[in-house]
Amino acid sequence: MSNNGIISKKSPLSVNQTMDKFEAIVKEKGLNIAARVNHQKSAENVGLEMNEAQVLIFGNPKAGTLIMQENVMAALDLPMRAVVYKNNDDEVYIAYHNPTEIQQTYNIQGSAVIEQVSDALDKLTSAAIA
């Protein structure tokens, strides 16, 4: 499902299971992991409540650098991120910004790298929910 440039896929697993699986797949593919953020835990630390939500920030410097060479402002959206969250109906999803949005936002013309990143993200996220 795509909405406003965000691609969401329903997961049959819990938030932790989905993110653990996604993180393992990302590492297995040799991508760099910058951070894993547990937003629910951060909210609890300041006395607030929210549904489960974890973000993985990851990337491939070879691909990201090629994109940023076209327009360094793309660094605002790189490295890539994926969120795994539970909605108010207790359904778990993995979601990410469609990389083609980077191409449009930063006026990057005909980048084969963005197409490769888009394809890779589709495969990585699909594997995480399989």
C-alpha atoms as a PDB file:
ATOM      1  CA  MET A   1       0.000   0.000   0.000  1.00  0.00           C
ATOM      2  CA  SER A   2       1.331   3.456  -0.874  1.00  0.00           C
ATOM      3  CA  ASN A   3       0.033   6.683   0.609  1.00  0.00           C
ATOM      4  CA  ASN A   4       1.659  10.107   0.221  1.00  0.00           C
ATOM      5  CA  GLY A   5       4.902   8.541  -0.906  1.00  0.00           C
ATOM      6  CA  ILE A   6       4.921   6.115   2.022  1.00  0.00           C
ATOM      7  CA  ILE A   7       4.824   2.398   1.349  1.00  0.00           C
ATOM      8  CA  SER A   8       3.279   0.274   4.127  1.00  0.00           C
ATOM      9  CA  LYS A   9       3.120  -3.499   4.364  1.00  0.00           C
ATOM     10  CA  LYS A  10       1.202  -5.458   6.975  1.00  0.00           C
ATOM     11  CA  SER A  11       3.241  -7.853   9.076  1.00  0.00           C
ATOM     12  CA  PRO A  12       1.952 -11.061  10.663  1.00  0.00           C
ATOM     13  CA  LEU A  13       4.654 -10.731  13.336  1.00  0.00           C
ATOM     14  CA  SER A  14       4.966  -8.523  16.412  1.00  0.00           C
ATOM     15  CA  VAL A  15       6.773  -5.186  16.208  1.00  0.00           C
ATOM     16  CA  ASN A  16       9.914  -6.625  17.831  1.00  0.00           C
ATOM     17  CA  GLN A  17       9.880  -9.768  15.700  1.00  0.00           C
ATOM     18  CA  THR A  18       9.402  -7.783  12.503  1.00  0.00           C
ATOM     19  CA  MET A  19      12.143  -5.288  13.346  1.00  0.00           C
ATOM     20  CA  ASP A  20      14.539  -7.992  14.537  1.00  0.00           C
ATOM     21  CA  LYS A  21      14.008  -9.880  11.291  1.00  0.00           C
ATOM     22  CA  PHE A  22      14.343  -6.722   9.187  1.00  0.00           C
ATOM     23  CA  GLU A  23      17.525  -5.679  10.993  1.00  0.00           C
ATOM     24  CA  ALA A  24      19.036  -9.148  10.518  1.00  0.00           C
ATOM     25  CA  ILE A  25      18.232  -9.083   6.795  1.00  0.00           C
ATOM     26  CA  VAL A  26      19.723  -5.598   6.412  1.00  0.00           C
ATOM     27  CA  LYS A  27      22.931  -6.731   8.162  1.00  0.00           C
ATOM     28  CA  GLU A  28      23.046  -9.929   6.094  1.00  0.00           C
ATOM     29  CA  LYS A  29      22.922  -7.833   2.914  1.00  0.00           C
ATOM     30  CA  GLY A  30      25.952  -5.860   4.107  1.00  0.00           C
ATOM     31  CA  LEU A  31      24.181  -2.547   4.669  1.00  0.00           C
ATOM     32  CA  ASN A  32      25.315  -0.180   7.406  1.00  0.00           C
ATOM     33  CA  ILE A  33      23.049   0.360  10.389  1.00  0.00           C
ATOM     34  CA  ALA A  34      23.230   3.836  11.876  1.00  0.00           C
ATOM     35  CA  ALA A  35      20.649   3.398  14.635  1.00  0.00           C
ATOM     36  CA  ARG A  36      17.618   1.562  15.903  1.00  0.00           C
ATOM     37  CA  VAL A  37      15.190   3.830  17.728  1.00  0.00           C
ATOM     38  CA  ASN A  38      12.437   2.574  20.017  1.00  0.00           C
ATOM     39  CA  HIS A  39       9.962   5.466  20.132  1.00  0.00           C
ATOM     40  CA  GLN A  40       7.627   3.747  22.591  1.00  0.00           C
ATOM     41  CA  LYS A  41      10.497   3.269  25.040  1.00  0.00           C
ATOM     42  CA  SER A  42      11.546   6.915  24.621  1.00  0.00           C
ATOM     43  CA  ALA A  43       7.969   8.022  25.314  1.00  0.00           C
ATOM     44  CA  GLU A  44       7.846   5.865  28.456  1.00  0.00           C
ATOM     45  CA  ASN A  45      11.099   7.457  29.639  1.00  0.00           C
ATOM     46  CA  VAL A  46       9.354  10.840  29.769  1.00  0.00           C
ATOM     47  CA  GLY A  47       6.101   9.544  31.257  1.00  0.00           C
ATOM     48  CA  LEU A  48       4.119   9.352  28.013  1.00  0.00           C
ATOM     49  CA  GLU A  49       2.368   6.476  26.271  1.00  0.00           C
ATOM     50  CA  MET A  50       2.203   5.525  22.633  1.00  0.00           C
ATOM     51  CA  ASN A  51       1.793   2.440  20.475  1.00  0.00           C
ATOM     52  CA  GLU A  52       4.868   0.409  19.692  1.00  0.00           C
ATOM     53  CA  ALA A  53       7.056   2.010  17.029  1.00  0.00           C
ATOM     54  CA  GLN A  54      10.666   1.319  16.122  1.00  0.00           C
ATOM     55  CA  VAL A  55      12.766   2.916  13.403  1.00  0.00           C
ATOM     56  CA  LEU A  56      15.833   1.450  11.745  1.00  0.00           C
ATOM     57  CA  ILE A  57      18.191   3.928  10.064  1.00  0.00           C
ATOM     58  CA  PHE A  58      20.380   2.142   7.541  1.00  0.00           C
ATOM     59  CA  GLY A  59      22.046   2.496   4.201  1.00  0.00           C
ATOM     60  CA  ASN A  60      24.694   1.773   1.647  1.00  0.00           C
ATOM     61  CA  PRO A  61      27.266   4.577   1.403  1.00  0.00           C
ATOM     62  CA  LYS A  62      27.998   3.707  -2.227  1.00  0.00           C
ATOM     63  CA  ALA A  63      24.379   4.247  -3.247  1.00  0.00           C
ATOM     64  CA  GLY A  64      23.737   7.155  -0.912  1.00  0.00           C
ATOM     65  CA  THR A  65      26.857   8.997  -2.016  1.00  0.00           C
ATOM     66  CA  LEU A  66      25.874   8.718  -5.666  1.00  0.00           C
ATOM     67  CA  ILE A  67      22.486  10.222  -4.841  1.00  0.00           C
ATOM     68  CA  MET A  68      24.005  13.019  -2.762  1.00  0.00           C
ATOM     69  CA  GLN A  69      26.499  13.807  -5.534  1.00  0.00           C
ATOM     70  CA  GLU A  70      23.479  14.757  -7.629  1.00  0.00           C
ATOM     71  CA  ASN A  71      22.066  16.970  -4.871  1.00  0.00           C
ATOM     72  CA  VAL A  72      23.653  17.119  -1.418  1.00  0.00           C
ATOM     73  CA  MET A  73      20.306  18.194   0.076  1.00  0.00           C
ATOM     74  CA  ALA A  74      19.189  14.567  -0.337  1.00  0.00           C
ATOM     75  CA  ALA A  75      21.255  13.996   2.812  1.00  0.00           C
ATOM     76  CA  LEU A  76      18.176  15.207   4.677  1.00  0.00           C
ATOM     77  CA  ASP A  77      16.531  11.885   3.741  1.00  0.00           C
ATOM     78  CA  LEU A  78      19.578   9.630   3.805  1.00  0.00           C
ATOM     79  CA  PRO A  79      20.404   7.135   5.155  1.00  0.00           C
ATOM     80  CA  MET A  80      17.132   5.353   4.546  1.00  0.00           C
ATOM     81  CA  ARG A  81      14.677   4.612   7.348  1.00  0.00           C
ATOM     82  CA  ALA A  82      11.997   2.042   7.950  1.00  0.00           C
ATOM     83  CA  VAL A  83       9.468   2.098  10.766  1.00  0.00           C
ATOM     84  CA  VAL A  84       7.727  -0.910  12.258  1.00  0.00           C
ATOM     85  CA  TYR A  85       4.680   0.081  14.255  1.00  0.00           C
ATOM     86  CA  LYS A  86       1.441  -1.149  15.764  1.00  0.00           C
ATOM     87  CA  ASN A  87      -1.634   0.864  14.843  1.00  0.00           C
ATOM     88  CA  ASN A  88      -4.704   1.473  17.001  1.00  0.00           C
ATOM     89  CA  ASP A  89      -6.285  -1.755  15.668  1.00  0.00           C
ATOM     90  CA  ASP A  90      -3.298  -3.790  16.961  1.00  0.00           C
ATOM     91  CA  GLU A  91      -2.079  -4.430  13.419  1.00  0.00           C
ATOM     92  CA  VAL A  92       1.652  -4.336  12.750  1.00  0.00           C
ATOM     93  CA  TYR A  93       3.123  -2.641   9.692  1.00  0.00           C
ATOM     94  CA  ILE A  94       6.510  -1.907   8.217  1.00  0.00           C
ATOM     95  CA  ALA A  95       6.675   1.349   6.284  1.00  0.00           C
ATOM     96  CA  TYR A  96       9.186   3.528   4.476  1.00  0.00           C
ATOM     97  CA  HIS A  97       9.357   6.542   2.196  1.00  0.00           C
ATOM     98  CA  ASN A  98       9.338   5.558  -1.438  1.00  0.00           C
ATOM     99  CA  PRO A  99      12.855   6.402  -2.676  1.00  0.00           C
ATOM    100  CA  THR A 100      11.377   7.873  -5.845  1.00  0.00           C
ATOM    101  CA  GLU A 101      10.175  10.706  -3.599  1.00  0.00           C
ATOM    102  CA  ILE A 102      13.840  11.619  -3.048  1.00  0.00           C
ATOM    103  CA  GLN A 103      14.236  11.873  -6.789  1.00  0.00           C
ATOM    104  CA  GLN A 104      11.251  14.206  -7.070  1.00  0.00           C
ATOM    105  CA  THR A 105      11.950  16.255  -3.949  1.00  0.00           C
ATOM    106  CA  TYR A 106      15.561  16.975  -4.852  1.00  0.00           C
ATOM    107  CA  ASN A 107      15.120  17.133  -8.633  1.00  0.00           C
ATOM    108  CA  ILE A 108      17.486  14.254  -9.332  1.00  0.00           C
ATOM    109  CA  GLN A 109      17.194  13.310 -12.985  1.00  0.00           C
ATOM    110  CA  GLY A 110      17.197   9.700 -14.190  1.00  0.00           C
ATOM    111  CA  SER A 111      19.053   8.110 -11.300  1.00  0.00           C
ATOM    112  CA  ALA A 112      19.415   4.364 -11.759  1.00  0.00           C
ATOM    113  CA  VAL A 113      20.628   4.238  -8.154  1.00  0.00           C
ATOM    114  CA  ILE A 114      17.252   5.402  -6.842  1.00  0.00           C
ATOM    115  CA  GLU A 115      15.522   2.678  -8.825  1.00  0.00           C
ATOM    116  CA  GLN A 116      17.931   0.121  -7.351  1.00  0.00           C
ATOM    117  CA  VAL A 117      17.343   1.432  -3.824  1.00  0.00           C
ATOM    118  CA  SER A 118      13.583   1.321  -4.371  1.00  0.00           C
ATOM    119  CA  ASP A 119      13.752  -2.270  -5.590  1.00  0.00           C
ATOM    120  CA  ALA A 120      16.032  -3.282  -2.716  1.00  0.00           C
ATOM    121  CA  LEU A 121      13.771  -1.711  -0.085  1.00  0.00           C
ATOM    122  CA  ASP A 122      10.768  -3.501  -1.536  1.00  0.00           C
ATOM    123  CA  LYS A 123      12.585  -6.838  -1.337  1.00  0.00           C
ATOM    124  CA  LEU A 124      14.046  -6.230   2.141  1.00  0.00           C
ATOM    125  CA  THR A 125      10.734  -5.200   3.674  1.00  0.00           C
ATOM    126  CA  SER A 126       8.849  -8.025   1.967  1.00  0.00           C
ATOM    127  CA  ALA A 127      11.373 -10.543   3.331  1.00  0.00           C
ATOM    128  CA  ALA A 128      10.921  -9.133   6.834  1.00  0.00           C
ATOM    129  CA  ILE A 129       7.197  -9.869   6.816  1.00  0.00           C
ATOM    130  CA  ALA A 130       7.383 -13.225   5.045  1.00  0.00           C
END
